[in-house]
Amino acid sequence: MDQIKMGKFIKELRQEKGLTQKEIGDKLNITDNSISKWERGINAPDIYLLAPLSKILGVSINELLNGKRNYKKKSKKNNRNKILEVENLNKNFGKNKILNDINLTIYEGDIVGLIGPNGAGKTTLIKTILNLYYPSSGEIKICGFNLKNDFELIMAKIGSLVETPDFYQHLSGLQNLKMTMMMNNIKDYEYMEKIIKLLKLNTRINDKVKKYSLGMKQRLALANALIKKPQFLILDEPTNGLDPLGIKELRDIIKFVNEKFNTTILISSHILPEIENICDEIIIIDNGYIIEQLDISDIKYQNISLEKEFLNKTSGSKSQIGGEL
């Protein structure tokens, strides 16, 4: 047993769970100083504490002792429906080619992370999938329908949050949600109330949106995206404006929606640890090209971080800091 490796693993898991040393100490009826010593590799947990500690941190005792998760490669499921199919997609703005021969498939029930350096084409790809940008060439199918020919059918199956949320500022959050429901002929107000509570908007839902913080607007935008009970949810940088607690709550909400409703989710974010924590698959895009689409379990099976994989595969690895002054 490597105490230093185990200590780093305990610290990583504690932070992943959003727990303080004191909170773990209280659960185990020991001092937070003991937790601090574990994490620094000075001491290791007593044998009788391994079982409750592993339960708190959500890993097995063997994983705890080895200082790493024991991932198995994810088995492929060939009987699932294809939610998104992109074939030979190109997007030009004048002479500038932003997307280059994009080919990708996303399957029902998956949470898929879209990552890439700034300017890689992430938002352009998302906006093209949502038909906010017209493709220069290529084909997009969503839930089996062709985006060009069946736009209205597809939009009824999609929820999205793209960039800065835009609402009627002089109306309340509730009035904005009701307008979305009216435009989509939705009458399930009980479900709307559940979404409002799920996103912890209930205390401010009757306030005018102009009084909301950016974080509150992000929550309202997510509620607006979920109100249609979408089969496919697309989130572009949904953590903008959220504090660490808000980011953790958003992670929990995404997992809940995915598990509860089998909603397929495509999420773009620069926060790689969050992507690594919640996603089943990763799509890496750079300079308008899909560099790789892989299972997150493949990365973890190799016991490497998503950050390392990202830097190895993209132009981010070529960045140079320092040099002559």
Protein backbone atom coordinates (compact mmCIF):
# COMPACT_ATOMS: atom_id res chain seq x y z
CA MET A 1 0.00 0.00 0.00
CA ASP A 2 1.37 3.41 -1.02
CA GLN A 3 0.25 5.88 1.67
CA ILE A 4 1.04 8.97 -0.40
CA LYS A 5 -0.88 7.66 -3.43
CA MET A 6 -3.77 6.62 -1.21
CA GLY A 7 -3.78 10.04 0.47
CA LYS A 8 -3.95 11.87 -2.86
CA PHE A 9 -6.79 9.58 -3.91
CA ILE A 10 -8.73 10.30 -0.71
CA LYS A 11 -8.28 14.05 -1.25
CA GLU A 12 -9.38 13.77 -4.88
CA LEU A 13 -12.52 11.81 -3.92
CA ARG A 14 -13.35 14.17 -1.06
CA GLN A 15 -13.15 17.19 -3.34
CA GLU A 16 -15.15 15.39 -6.02
CA LYS A 17 -17.91 14.80 -3.46
CA GLY A 18 -17.72 18.42 -2.29
CA LEU A 19 -16.90 17.39 1.29
CA THR A 20 -14.60 19.12 3.77
CA GLN A 21 -12.11 17.29 5.97
CA LYS A 22 -14.27 18.16 8.98
CA GLU A 23 -17.40 16.71 7.37
CA ILE A 24 -15.65 13.39 6.77
CA GLY A 25 -14.16 13.47 10.26
CA ASP A 26 -17.60 14.03 11.79
CA LYS A 27 -19.03 11.11 9.83
CA LEU A 28 -16.23 8.84 11.04
CA ASN A 29 -16.18 10.33 14.57
CA ILE A 30 -12.53 11.36 14.28
CA THR A 31 -10.75 14.71 14.03
CA ASP A 32 -10.28 16.56 10.75
CA ASN A 33 -6.56 16.59 11.57
CA SER A 34 -6.57 12.82 11.03
CA ILE A 35 -8.08 13.31 7.57
CA SER A 36 -5.43 15.93 6.82
CA LYS A 37 -2.66 13.48 7.75
CA TRP A 38 -4.17 10.80 5.49
CA GLU A 39 -4.27 13.18 2.55
CA ARG A 40 -0.65 14.20 3.08
CA GLY A 41 0.43 10.56 3.27
CA ILE A 42 1.64 10.83 6.87
CA ASN A 43 -0.78 8.20 8.19
CA ALA A 44 -3.19 5.68 6.67
CA PRO A 45 -6.75 5.02 7.90
CA ASP A 46 -7.14 2.33 10.54
CA ILE A 47 -8.58 -0.94 9.23
CA TYR A 48 -11.92 -0.48 11.02
CA LEU A 49 -12.41 2.86 9.20
CA LEU A 50 -11.88 1.52 5.67
CA ALA A 51 -15.43 0.21 5.17
CA PRO A 52 -17.28 3.39 6.29
CA LEU A 53 -14.72 5.62 4.50
CA SER A 54 -15.11 3.70 1.23
CA LYS A 55 -18.90 4.08 1.51
CA ILE A 56 -18.64 7.84 2.10
CA LEU A 57 -16.29 8.29 -0.87
CA GLY A 58 -18.18 5.92 -3.18
CA VAL A 59 -15.37 3.46 -3.96
CA SER A 60 -14.51 -0.08 -2.92
CA ILE A 61 -12.03 -0.86 -0.15
CA ASN A 62 -9.62 -2.31 -2.73
CA GLU A 63 -9.80 0.89 -4.79
CA LEU A 64 -9.15 2.89 -1.63
CA LEU A 65 -6.10 0.80 -0.74
CA ASN A 66 -4.74 0.89 -4.31
CA GLY A 67 -5.25 4.63 -4.63
CA LYS A 68 -7.15 4.42 -7.93
CA ARG A 69 -10.46 3.35 -9.41
CA ASN A 70 -10.70 -0.05 -11.04
CA TYR A 71 -12.44 0.76 -14.30
CA LYS A 72 -13.54 -1.84 -16.79
CA LYS A 73 -13.92 -0.98 -20.42
CA LYS A 74 -17.47 -0.09 -21.29
CA SER A 75 -19.24 -2.69 -23.41
CA LYS A 76 -20.81 -1.40 -26.59
CA LYS A 77 -24.58 -1.44 -26.88
CA ASN A 78 -25.61 -1.96 -30.47
CA ASN A 79 -29.36 -1.95 -29.87
CA ARG A 80 -29.72 1.71 -28.89
CA ASN A 81 -31.28 4.37 -31.09
CA LYS A 82 -29.12 7.01 -32.72
CA ILE A 83 -30.09 10.43 -31.39
CA LEU A 84 -27.64 12.53 -33.39
CA GLU A 85 -26.05 11.65 -36.72
CA VAL A 86 -23.72 14.14 -38.40
CA GLU A 87 -22.29 13.22 -41.79
CA ASN A 88 -19.64 15.16 -43.74
CA LEU A 89 -20.67 18.45 -42.15
CA ASN A 90 -18.88 21.60 -43.27
CA LYS A 91 -19.48 25.20 -42.26
CA ASN A 92 -17.88 28.21 -43.92
CA PHE A 93 -18.13 31.89 -43.09
CA GLY A 94 -17.04 33.52 -46.31
CA LYS A 95 -13.60 32.15 -47.10
CA ASN A 96 -13.07 30.89 -43.55
CA LYS A 97 -13.79 27.20 -43.09
CA ILE A 98 -14.86 26.66 -39.47
CA LEU A 99 -16.07 23.03 -39.53
CA ASN A 100 -14.29 20.43 -41.65
CA ASP A 101 -15.97 17.14 -42.66
CA ILE A 102 -17.52 16.51 -39.24
CA ASN A 103 -18.75 12.95 -38.70
CA LEU A 104 -20.15 11.83 -35.36
CA THR A 105 -22.91 9.75 -33.79
CA ILE A 106 -24.50 10.09 -30.35
CA TYR A 107 -26.64 7.30 -28.95
CA GLU A 108 -29.76 7.39 -26.81
CA GLY A 109 -29.19 7.78 -23.07
CA ASP A 110 -25.57 8.94 -23.23
CA ILE A 111 -24.05 12.08 -21.74
CA VAL A 112 -21.47 13.29 -24.23
CA GLY A 113 -18.89 15.99 -23.60
CA LEU A 114 -17.72 18.28 -26.39
CA ILE A 115 -14.29 19.74 -25.61
CA GLY A 116 -11.70 21.73 -27.51
CA PRO A 117 -9.53 24.85 -27.30
CA ASN A 118 -11.03 28.32 -27.73
CA GLY A 119 -11.97 28.81 -31.37
CA ALA A 120 -11.96 25.08 -32.07
CA GLY A 121 -15.52 25.15 -33.46
CA LYS A 122 -17.55 23.90 -30.49
CA THR A 123 -20.22 26.61 -30.46
CA THR A 124 -20.38 26.70 -34.27
CA LEU A 125 -21.02 22.95 -34.28
CA ILE A 126 -23.73 23.27 -31.64
CA LYS A 127 -25.42 26.18 -33.42
CA THR A 128 -25.34 24.28 -36.70
CA ILE A 129 -26.92 21.23 -35.05
CA LEU A 130 -29.65 23.56 -33.72
CA ASN A 131 -30.10 25.10 -37.20
CA LEU A 132 -29.07 28.53 -35.91
CA TYR A 133 -26.37 28.32 -38.59
CA TYR A 134 -27.06 26.68 -41.93
CA PRO A 135 -24.48 24.06 -42.90
CA SER A 136 -22.42 24.75 -46.01
CA SER A 137 -22.65 21.04 -46.83
CA GLY A 138 -23.37 17.74 -45.14
CA GLU A 139 -26.31 16.18 -43.34
CA ILE A 140 -27.66 16.26 -39.78
CA LYS A 141 -30.23 13.81 -38.43
CA ILE A 142 -31.78 14.10 -34.97
CA CYS A 143 -33.99 11.34 -33.56
CA GLY A 144 -34.08 9.84 -37.05
CA PHE A 145 -35.34 13.03 -38.73
CA ASN A 146 -33.46 15.14 -41.25
CA LEU A 147 -32.80 18.63 -39.87
CA LYS A 148 -33.28 20.30 -43.25
CA ASN A 149 -36.66 18.70 -43.99
CA ASP A 150 -38.15 18.09 -40.52
CA PHE A 151 -37.05 21.14 -38.53
CA GLU A 152 -40.28 21.58 -36.54
CA LEU A 153 -40.49 17.90 -35.60
CA ILE A 154 -36.90 17.97 -34.40
CA MET A 155 -37.24 21.19 -32.40
CA ALA A 156 -40.08 19.60 -30.42
CA LYS A 157 -37.61 16.93 -29.27
CA ILE A 158 -34.71 19.24 -28.37
CA GLY A 159 -33.96 21.46 -25.38
CA SER A 160 -30.96 23.77 -25.45
CA LEU A 161 -28.95 26.31 -23.51
CA VAL A 162 -26.50 28.18 -25.72
CA GLU A 163 -24.20 30.96 -24.54
CA THR A 164 -25.77 33.80 -22.52
CA PRO A 165 -29.45 33.17 -21.69
CA ASP A 166 -31.85 35.63 -23.33
CA PHE A 167 -35.24 36.31 -21.74
CA TYR A 168 -37.90 38.99 -21.56
CA GLN A 169 -36.26 41.05 -18.81
CA HIS A 170 -39.43 42.88 -17.74
CA LEU A 171 -41.29 39.59 -17.15
CA SER A 172 -40.88 37.21 -14.24
CA GLY A 173 -39.12 33.89 -14.53
CA LEU A 174 -42.49 32.15 -14.27
CA GLN A 175 -44.00 34.27 -17.04
CA ASN A 176 -41.06 33.45 -19.30
CA LEU A 177 -41.51 29.72 -18.68
CA LYS A 178 -45.25 29.95 -19.32
CA MET A 179 -44.57 31.69 -22.64
CA THR A 180 -42.33 28.80 -23.68
CA MET A 181 -45.07 26.36 -22.69
CA MET A 182 -47.69 28.30 -24.64
CA MET A 183 -45.53 28.47 -27.79
CA ASN A 184 -44.95 24.71 -27.62
CA ASN A 185 -48.55 23.84 -26.68
CA ILE A 186 -47.44 22.35 -23.33
CA LYS A 187 -49.99 22.20 -20.51
CA ASP A 188 -48.24 20.10 -17.86
CA TYR A 189 -47.98 22.77 -15.15
CA GLU A 190 -47.32 20.18 -12.47
CA TYR A 191 -44.15 19.17 -14.30
CA MET A 192 -43.18 22.85 -14.62
CA GLU A 193 -43.44 23.23 -10.85
CA LYS A 194 -41.21 20.18 -10.37
CA ILE A 195 -38.58 21.64 -12.69
CA ILE A 196 -38.71 24.97 -10.83
CA LYS A 197 -38.12 23.20 -7.50
CA LEU A 198 -35.46 20.91 -8.96
CA LEU A 199 -33.46 23.95 -10.09
CA LYS A 200 -34.13 25.80 -6.80
CA LEU A 201 -35.86 28.67 -8.55
CA ASN A 202 -39.04 28.57 -6.46
CA THR A 203 -38.08 31.45 -4.12
CA ARG A 204 -37.30 33.81 -7.03
CA ILE A 205 -39.54 32.52 -9.82
CA ASN A 206 -41.98 35.45 -9.48
CA ASP A 207 -39.23 38.08 -9.61
CA LYS A 208 -38.52 39.93 -12.85
CA VAL A 209 -35.67 38.40 -14.80
CA LYS A 210 -33.80 41.73 -14.89
CA LYS A 211 -33.21 41.24 -11.15
CA TYR A 212 -31.61 37.81 -11.64
CA SER A 213 -27.88 37.21 -11.37
CA LEU A 214 -26.14 35.47 -14.28
CA GLY A 215 -26.22 32.23 -12.28
CA MET A 216 -29.99 32.56 -11.75
CA LYS A 217 -30.46 33.21 -15.47
CA GLN A 218 -28.48 30.04 -16.20
CA ARG A 219 -30.84 28.06 -13.96
CA LEU A 220 -33.88 29.62 -15.62
CA ALA A 221 -32.44 28.83 -19.05
CA LEU A 222 -31.96 25.19 -18.03
CA ALA A 223 -35.55 25.08 -16.74
CA ASN A 224 -36.66 26.54 -20.07
CA ALA A 225 -34.71 23.82 -21.90
CA LEU A 226 -36.22 21.04 -19.79
CA ILE A 227 -39.82 22.27 -19.96
CA LYS A 228 -40.41 20.38 -23.25
CA LYS A 229 -39.23 17.06 -21.73
CA PRO A 230 -36.63 16.85 -24.51
CA GLN A 231 -35.19 13.60 -25.81
CA PHE A 232 -32.00 15.50 -26.63
CA LEU A 233 -30.59 18.25 -24.41
CA ILE A 234 -27.78 20.47 -25.70
CA LEU A 235 -25.84 22.60 -23.21
CA ASP A 236 -23.15 25.05 -24.31
CA GLU A 237 -21.02 26.20 -21.34
CA PRO A 238 -23.90 25.77 -18.83
CA THR A 239 -21.67 26.52 -15.81
CA ASN A 240 -21.13 30.18 -16.82
CA GLY A 241 -21.88 32.41 -13.84
CA LEU A 242 -22.21 29.53 -11.37
CA ASP A 243 -20.20 29.30 -8.15
CA PRO A 244 -18.63 25.96 -7.08
CA LEU A 245 -21.80 24.91 -5.25
CA GLY A 246 -23.91 25.82 -8.28
CA ILE A 247 -21.61 23.78 -10.54
CA LYS A 248 -21.96 20.74 -8.27
CA GLU A 249 -25.76 21.16 -8.20
CA LEU A 250 -25.83 21.45 -12.00
CA ARG A 251 -23.79 18.23 -12.26
CA ASP A 252 -26.33 16.47 -10.03
CA ILE A 253 -29.23 17.85 -12.08
CA ILE A 254 -27.69 16.68 -15.36
CA LYS A 255 -27.18 13.18 -13.97
CA PHE A 256 -30.72 13.15 -12.54
CA VAL A 257 -32.35 14.22 -15.83
CA ASN A 258 -30.29 11.67 -17.75
CA GLU A 259 -31.19 8.80 -15.41
CA LYS A 260 -34.81 9.79 -14.70
CA PHE A 261 -35.91 10.53 -18.28
CA ASN A 262 -33.19 8.72 -20.30
CA THR A 263 -32.42 12.11 -21.84
CA THR A 264 -29.44 12.19 -24.17
CA ILE A 265 -27.21 15.15 -23.33
CA LEU A 266 -24.49 16.93 -25.30
CA ILE A 267 -22.53 19.31 -23.06
CA SER A 268 -19.74 21.69 -24.03
CA SER A 269 -17.51 22.95 -21.25
CA HIS A 270 -13.97 24.08 -20.46
CA ILE A 271 -14.15 22.54 -16.98
CA LEU A 272 -12.55 19.20 -17.81
CA PRO A 273 -12.93 17.60 -14.33
CA GLU A 274 -16.70 18.17 -14.53
CA ILE A 275 -16.85 16.66 -18.02
CA GLU A 276 -14.82 13.71 -16.79
CA ASN A 277 -17.15 13.20 -13.82
CA ILE A 278 -20.46 13.16 -15.66
CA CYS A 279 -19.89 12.08 -19.27
CA ASP A 280 -20.03 8.64 -20.90
CA GLU A 281 -18.26 9.79 -24.05
CA ILE A 282 -15.97 12.60 -25.12
CA ILE A 283 -15.73 14.36 -28.48
CA ILE A 284 -12.51 16.33 -28.98
CA ILE A 285 -12.62 19.05 -31.63
CA ASP A 286 -9.71 21.23 -32.74
CA ASN A 287 -9.37 23.65 -35.66
CA GLY A 288 -12.78 22.55 -36.92
CA TYR A 289 -11.88 18.85 -37.09
CA ILE A 290 -13.13 16.02 -34.88
CA ILE A 291 -9.87 14.72 -33.43
CA GLU A 292 -11.37 11.84 -31.51
CA GLN A 293 -14.62 10.41 -30.10
CA LEU A 294 -14.04 7.97 -27.28
CA ASP A 295 -15.58 6.42 -24.18
CA ILE A 296 -14.57 8.12 -20.95
CA SER A 297 -14.07 4.63 -19.53
CA ASP A 298 -11.26 4.07 -22.04
CA ILE A 299 -9.40 7.03 -20.58
CA LYS A 300 -9.97 5.90 -17.01
CA TYR A 301 -9.10 2.30 -17.88
CA GLN A 302 -5.66 3.59 -18.87
CA ASN A 303 -5.51 5.51 -15.56
CA ILE A 304 -4.84 8.83 -17.30
CA SER A 305 -6.68 12.12 -16.86
CA LEU A 306 -8.95 13.75 -19.41
CA GLU A 307 -6.74 16.84 -19.20
CA LYS A 308 -3.70 14.83 -20.27
CA GLU A 309 -5.64 13.22 -23.13
CA PHE A 310 -6.96 16.62 -24.18
CA LEU A 311 -3.52 18.25 -24.22
CA ASN A 312 -2.00 15.30 -26.07
CA LYS A 313 -4.63 15.42 -28.80
CA THR A 314 -5.07 19.16 -29.38
CA SER A 315 -3.09 22.25 -30.23
CA GLY A 316 -3.20 23.09 -26.50
CA SER A 317 -0.18 20.81 -26.08
CA LYS A 318 1.79 23.08 -28.39
CA SER A 319 1.23 26.21 -26.36
CA GLN A 320 4.36 27.74 -24.91
CA ILE A 321 4.50 29.71 -21.71
CA GLY A 322 7.63 31.59 -20.82
CA GLY A 323 10.56 31.98 -23.14
CA GLU A 324 12.69 35.05 -23.52
CA LEU A 325 11.59 38.31 -21.97
